[in-house]
Amino acid sequence: MITSVFKKSTPLNYSLVVILILVFFFMFQIKDPTWATSYFLAFQKVSLLCFVLASFFMINFIVKKNGLSKDNGYAIFFYLLFLLFFPTIFNNANVIYANFFILLALRRLISLQSLKASKEKIFDASFWIFVASLFQFWCVLFVILVFISIIFHVSRDYRNWVLPFVALLGVAIIFLMISLMFHIDFIAFFQERAVIDFRIDYFKNNYENGALSIYTAVALFFVTSMLMTLSNRPQIVHTSYKKTVACFFIAAFVFIVSPNKSNDLLLFSIAPLTIMATSHVEYMQQKLNNEIVFYILIACSLFTFFSQL
């Protein structure tokens, strides 16, 4: 039934997903309704919701524009299910903002396979990654994905290797100007954030631990499926899928090294995992197996969401 509903990309699919996002978002927010008494906090919640919705449409654009998915609604549905594993994301502004900028970068890097305007895409991707690092410092590691993309597509032109550093300089100048305007101590700003912490002992309860364990098992399943079937997929999308897998592992490393660790940091891994999950469902072609995958994921995501309310 689920595969039938999302088999085709229709306005009904988008409307259904948007309604579900609104329901789950406000279901989590009503836990602590004090934000409704402040115009600033209410505006912040609305801005977070807008960025969450924009992320859904961005992941949908990435998979459709680059031929990583057929004309269906699987991607946005998977993105919703994975998001429900960690509902505290809905309160983490820095992670939501950083993730959106990483999606902007991923969009440019995956489209690099067309070899059109490659320099602009490399610069844009690098720029958005460094902007994301202002919200979550270790997002800077995603610049590795820029260099991987250069190796895959445009490694012979030395100017492409310099562009990420030009983007870094641009973001640094902009941030320096903002810090001077608003009297921000930029040295202390980075000293507080450029910290490595490998400890994973942040769980407030067993449900957060369980959510991480289930998500890890699900992620391993889809990553393994992608790696085992990659050679049988169309040659034209091989590099895109390789970049997707690389993006997932970089996101996992960002989670591992970041200080002030929480499950929210796994948001950076949800987009590449969504692409791999969508690809898995389309590749298997067996309706019964796909239905089982969807129902298991729905059960896991709903359990982890409601257990953490």
Protein backbone atom coordinates (compact mmCIF):
# COMPACT_ATOMS: atom_id res chain seq x y z
CA MET A 1 0.00 0.00 0.00
CA ILE A 2 2.77 2.46 0.93
CA THR A 3 4.65 1.78 -2.29
CA SER A 4 1.44 2.39 -4.25
CA VAL A 5 0.85 5.76 -2.58
CA PHE A 6 4.38 7.07 -3.20
CA LYS A 7 5.03 5.22 -6.46
CA LYS A 8 4.24 8.36 -8.43
CA SER A 9 5.23 11.90 -7.60
CA THR A 10 1.93 13.76 -7.24
CA PRO A 11 0.68 16.87 -5.41
CA LEU A 12 -1.10 14.49 -3.04
CA ASN A 13 2.24 12.97 -1.97
CA TYR A 14 3.77 16.36 -1.30
CA SER A 15 0.68 17.54 0.57
CA LEU A 16 0.64 14.40 2.70
CA VAL A 17 4.30 14.74 3.65
CA VAL A 18 3.96 18.46 4.43
CA ILE A 19 0.95 17.77 6.65
CA LEU A 20 2.86 15.01 8.47
CA ILE A 21 5.83 17.33 8.99
CA LEU A 22 3.56 19.98 10.50
CA VAL A 23 1.84 17.43 12.74
CA PHE A 24 5.05 15.90 14.10
CA PHE A 25 6.81 19.26 14.41
CA PHE A 26 4.06 20.85 16.50
CA MET A 27 3.48 17.61 18.40
CA PHE A 28 7.05 17.90 19.62
CA GLN A 29 6.85 21.65 20.25
CA ILE A 30 3.77 21.46 22.49
CA LYS A 31 5.89 19.57 25.03
CA ASP A 32 7.13 22.98 26.13
CA PRO A 33 4.65 25.66 24.98
CA THR A 34 6.51 28.56 26.65
CA TRP A 35 7.81 29.63 23.23
CA ALA A 36 4.27 30.72 22.33
CA THR A 37 4.47 33.55 24.88
CA SER A 38 7.43 35.20 23.16
CA TYR A 39 7.31 36.74 19.69
CA PHE A 40 11.03 36.11 19.20
CA LEU A 41 10.83 32.42 20.18
CA ALA A 42 7.70 31.95 18.09
CA PHE A 43 9.47 33.50 15.10
CA GLN A 44 12.43 31.19 15.70
CA LYS A 45 10.16 28.12 15.70
CA VAL A 46 8.53 29.25 12.46
CA SER A 47 11.96 29.80 10.87
CA LEU A 48 13.06 26.32 11.95
CA LEU A 49 9.93 24.84 10.40
CA CYS A 50 10.59 26.73 7.16
CA PHE A 51 14.15 25.39 7.00
CA VAL A 52 12.93 21.84 7.70
CA LEU A 53 10.37 22.12 4.89
CA ALA A 54 12.97 23.63 2.57
CA SER A 55 15.26 20.68 3.31
CA PHE A 56 12.56 18.26 2.18
CA PHE A 57 12.14 20.01 -1.14
CA MET A 58 15.90 20.31 -1.53
CA ILE A 59 16.47 16.55 -1.14
CA ASN A 60 13.62 15.94 -3.58
CA PHE A 61 15.23 18.33 -6.08
CA ILE A 62 18.63 16.64 -5.73
CA VAL A 63 17.39 13.12 -6.47
CA LYS A 64 15.08 14.16 -9.31
CA LYS A 65 17.39 16.65 -11.04
CA ASN A 66 20.38 14.29 -11.06
CA GLY A 67 18.59 11.09 -12.05
CA LEU A 68 19.09 9.43 -8.66
CA SER A 69 15.40 8.63 -8.39
CA LYS A 70 12.51 7.96 -10.70
CA ASP A 71 9.31 10.00 -10.70
CA ASN A 72 8.13 8.99 -7.23
CA GLY A 73 7.81 10.34 -3.70
CA TYR A 74 10.03 7.83 -1.93
CA ALA A 75 12.81 10.32 -1.15
CA ILE A 76 10.71 12.81 0.81
CA PHE A 77 8.95 9.97 2.66
CA PHE A 78 12.24 8.34 3.67
CA TYR A 79 13.58 11.73 4.76
CA LEU A 80 10.56 12.18 7.02
CA LEU A 81 10.91 8.70 8.54
CA PHE A 82 14.61 9.17 9.30
CA LEU A 83 13.95 12.61 10.78
CA LEU A 84 11.47 11.11 13.24
CA PHE A 85 14.23 8.99 14.76
CA PHE A 86 15.60 12.12 16.42
CA PRO A 87 12.74 14.55 17.25
CA THR A 88 15.03 16.79 19.34
CA ILE A 89 16.37 18.01 15.99
CA PHE A 90 13.27 20.21 15.81
CA ASN A 91 14.74 22.35 18.62
CA ASN A 92 18.33 22.50 17.39
CA ALA A 93 18.55 25.64 15.27
CA ASN A 94 22.29 25.44 14.53
CA VAL A 95 22.08 21.87 13.22
CA ILE A 96 18.99 22.61 11.08
CA TYR A 97 20.60 25.70 9.53
CA ALA A 98 23.93 23.94 8.95
CA ASN A 99 22.21 20.93 7.39
CA PHE A 100 20.35 23.14 4.91
CA PHE A 101 23.61 24.72 3.74
CA ILE A 102 25.20 21.26 3.44
CA LEU A 103 22.26 20.24 1.23
CA LEU A 104 22.91 23.29 -0.96
CA ALA A 105 26.53 22.16 -1.28
CA LEU A 106 25.54 18.55 -2.00
CA ARG A 107 23.21 19.74 -4.75
CA ARG A 108 26.07 21.51 -6.51
CA LEU A 109 28.55 18.67 -6.06
CA ILE A 110 26.27 15.94 -7.40
CA SER A 111 25.34 18.09 -10.41
CA LEU A 112 29.05 18.46 -11.16
CA GLN A 113 28.81 15.28 -13.24
CA SER A 114 27.30 17.34 -16.08
CA LEU A 115 30.66 19.21 -16.32
CA LYS A 116 28.74 22.45 -16.93
CA ALA A 117 29.88 25.52 -14.96
CA SER A 118 32.15 23.27 -12.91
CA LYS A 119 34.14 26.12 -11.36
CA GLU A 120 31.00 27.91 -10.19
CA LYS A 121 29.69 24.67 -8.66
CA ILE A 122 32.94 23.95 -6.83
CA PHE A 123 33.07 27.48 -5.45
CA ASP A 124 29.39 27.47 -4.45
CA ALA A 125 29.64 24.08 -2.73
CA SER A 126 32.76 25.13 -0.82
CA PHE A 127 31.17 28.43 0.15
CA TRP A 128 28.03 26.78 1.56
CA ILE A 129 30.10 24.22 3.48
CA PHE A 130 32.14 26.96 5.17
CA VAL A 131 28.93 28.86 5.96
CA ALA A 132 27.53 25.66 7.52
CA SER A 133 30.69 25.37 9.64
CA LEU A 134 29.84 28.70 11.28
CA PHE A 135 26.77 27.02 12.76
CA GLN A 136 28.35 23.60 13.39
CA PHE A 137 32.13 23.83 13.17
CA TRP A 138 33.01 20.28 12.15
CA CYS A 139 30.84 20.58 9.05
CA VAL A 140 34.07 21.96 7.62
CA LEU A 141 35.01 18.29 7.05
CA PHE A 142 32.50 18.16 4.20
CA VAL A 143 35.06 20.09 2.14
CA ILE A 144 36.64 16.64 1.69
CA LEU A 145 33.63 15.85 -0.49
CA VAL A 146 34.51 18.84 -2.67
CA PHE A 147 37.98 17.46 -3.33
CA ILE A 148 36.55 13.97 -3.96
CA SER A 149 34.24 15.53 -6.57
CA ILE A 150 37.16 17.36 -8.17
CA ILE A 151 39.08 14.06 -8.42
CA PHE A 152 36.09 12.38 -10.07
CA HIS A 153 35.35 15.07 -12.64
CA VAL A 154 37.75 18.00 -13.12
CA SER A 155 41.10 17.14 -11.55
CA ARG A 156 43.23 18.18 -14.53
CA ASP A 157 42.54 21.91 -14.15
CA TYR A 158 44.68 23.17 -11.24
CA ARG A 159 42.37 26.16 -10.73
CA ASN A 160 39.63 23.86 -9.46
CA TRP A 161 41.88 22.82 -6.55
CA VAL A 162 42.31 26.47 -5.52
CA LEU A 163 38.62 27.42 -5.54
CA PRO A 164 37.75 25.90 -2.11
CA PHE A 165 40.44 28.10 -0.54
CA VAL A 166 39.04 31.15 -2.35
CA ALA A 167 35.62 30.28 -0.91
CA LEU A 168 37.18 29.93 2.55
CA LEU A 169 38.71 33.38 2.21
CA GLY A 170 35.36 34.82 1.14
CA VAL A 171 33.48 33.35 4.10
CA ALA A 172 36.26 34.42 6.48
CA ILE A 173 36.08 38.03 5.26
CA ILE A 174 32.28 38.11 5.58
CA PHE A 175 32.39 36.58 9.07
CA LEU A 176 35.13 39.00 10.15
CA MET A 177 33.02 41.96 9.00
CA ILE A 178 29.97 40.63 10.88
CA SER A 179 32.03 39.98 14.02
CA LEU A 180 33.33 43.56 13.95
CA MET A 181 29.82 44.96 13.46
CA PHE A 182 28.30 42.95 16.32
CA HIS A 183 31.40 42.89 18.56
CA ILE A 184 31.88 39.13 18.36
CA ASP A 185 35.18 37.74 19.63
CA PHE A 186 35.90 35.57 16.59
CA ILE A 187 38.95 33.94 18.21
CA ALA A 188 36.90 32.77 21.20
CA PHE A 189 34.10 31.83 18.79
CA PHE A 190 36.27 29.21 17.10
CA GLN A 191 38.14 28.16 20.23
CA GLU A 192 34.84 27.07 21.77
CA ARG A 193 33.80 25.13 18.67
CA ALA A 194 37.02 23.71 17.21
CA VAL A 195 37.17 21.00 19.84
CA ILE A 196 37.41 17.25 19.28
CA ASP A 197 35.46 14.98 21.60
CA PHE A 198 35.13 11.26 20.86
CA ARG A 199 33.01 10.46 23.91
CA ILE A 200 29.55 9.01 23.29
CA ASP A 201 28.00 9.22 26.73
CA TYR A 202 25.48 11.98 26.19
CA PHE A 203 22.28 9.91 26.41
CA LYS A 204 19.63 11.41 28.69
CA ASN A 205 17.63 8.18 28.68
CA ASN A 206 17.55 4.70 27.20
CA TYR A 207 15.21 5.81 24.42
CA GLU A 208 17.87 8.08 22.89
CA ASN A 209 20.31 5.18 23.08
CA GLY A 210 17.74 2.90 21.43
CA ALA A 211 17.05 5.43 18.67
CA LEU A 212 20.77 5.62 17.86
CA SER A 213 21.09 1.81 17.84
CA ILE A 214 18.09 1.31 15.54
CA TYR A 215 19.21 4.11 13.21
CA THR A 216 22.71 2.63 13.03
CA ALA A 217 21.30 -0.79 12.07
CA VAL A 218 19.06 0.76 9.40
CA ALA A 219 21.95 2.81 8.04
CA LEU A 220 24.24 -0.21 7.83
CA PHE A 221 21.55 -2.09 5.90
CA PHE A 222 21.14 0.60 3.23
CA VAL A 223 24.86 1.40 2.97
CA THR A 224 25.68 -2.29 2.55
CA SER A 225 22.95 -2.64 -0.06
CA MET A 226 24.35 0.32 -2.00
CA LEU A 227 27.95 -0.94 -1.91
CA MET A 228 26.97 -4.48 -2.95
CA THR A 229 24.76 -3.42 -5.87
CA LEU A 230 26.69 -0.38 -7.12
CA SER A 231 28.41 -2.27 -9.93
CA ASN A 232 25.02 -3.33 -11.35
CA ARG A 233 23.65 0.20 -11.54
CA PRO A 234 23.83 2.48 -14.61
CA GLN A 235 27.36 3.76 -15.18
CA ILE A 236 26.15 7.35 -15.46
CA VAL A 237 25.16 7.51 -11.77
CA HIS A 238 28.14 5.64 -10.31
CA THR A 239 30.06 8.76 -9.29
CA SER A 240 26.93 10.34 -7.82
CA TYR A 241 26.31 7.30 -5.63
CA LYS A 242 29.98 7.16 -4.63
CA LYS A 243 29.78 10.81 -3.54
CA THR A 244 26.58 9.99 -1.64
CA VAL A 245 28.29 7.16 0.26
CA ALA A 246 31.29 9.41 0.96
CA CYS A 247 28.94 12.12 2.22
CA PHE A 248 27.34 9.64 4.63
CA PHE A 249 30.68 8.57 6.11
CA ILE A 250 31.84 12.18 6.44
CA ALA A 251 28.59 12.94 8.27
CA ALA A 252 29.22 9.99 10.59
CA PHE A 253 32.72 11.30 11.29
CA VAL A 254 31.33 14.79 12.01
CA PHE A 255 29.09 13.15 14.61
CA ILE A 256 31.99 11.21 16.13
CA VAL A 257 34.40 14.15 16.55
CA SER A 258 31.94 16.90 17.53
CA PRO A 259 31.79 18.19 21.09
CA ASN A 260 28.44 18.67 22.87
CA LYS A 261 27.36 15.47 21.15
CA SER A 262 23.70 14.59 20.64
CA ASN A 263 21.62 12.51 18.25
CA ASP A 264 20.74 15.77 16.49
CA LEU A 265 24.15 15.75 14.79
CA LEU A 266 23.09 12.69 12.81
CA LEU A 267 20.85 14.99 10.76
CA PHE A 268 23.81 15.47 8.40
CA SER A 269 23.70 11.76 7.55
CA ILE A 270 19.97 11.66 6.78
CA ALA A 271 20.13 13.16 3.28
CA PRO A 272 22.70 10.67 1.87
CA LEU A 273 20.94 7.82 3.67
CA THR A 274 17.66 8.93 2.09
CA ILE A 275 19.23 8.77 -1.36
CA MET A 276 20.56 5.25 -0.68
CA ALA A 277 17.23 4.05 0.77
CA THR A 278 15.32 5.40 -2.22
CA SER A 279 17.77 3.73 -4.57
CA HIS A 280 17.42 0.43 -2.69
CA VAL A 281 13.62 0.39 -3.00
CA GLU A 282 13.74 1.24 -6.70
CA TYR A 283 16.46 -1.32 -7.39
CA MET A 284 14.80 -4.27 -5.61
CA GLN A 285 11.64 -4.13 -7.76
CA GLN A 286 9.93 -6.62 -5.43
CA LYS A 287 6.78 -5.05 -4.05
CA LEU A 288 6.49 -7.36 -1.03
CA ASN A 289 10.09 -6.73 0.07
CA ASN A 290 9.66 -2.99 -0.37
CA GLU A 291 6.44 -3.00 1.65
CA ILE A 292 8.25 -4.84 4.46
CA VAL A 293 11.08 -2.25 4.39
CA PHE A 294 8.58 0.61 4.59
CA TYR A 295 6.49 -0.89 7.39
CA ILE A 296 9.54 -1.76 9.49
CA LEU A 297 10.88 1.77 9.05
CA ILE A 298 7.51 3.33 9.87
CA ALA A 299 7.24 1.22 13.03
CA CYS A 300 10.80 2.09 14.10
CA SER A 301 10.44 5.80 13.40
CA LEU A 302 7.09 6.12 15.19
CA PHE A 303 8.38 4.14 18.18
CA THR A 304 11.52 6.24 18.53
CA PHE A 305 9.60 9.49 18.03
CA PHE A 306 6.86 8.88 20.59
CA SER A 307 9.24 7.28 23.10
CA GLN A 308 11.28 10.51 23.16
CA LEU A 309 8.36 12.93 23.58
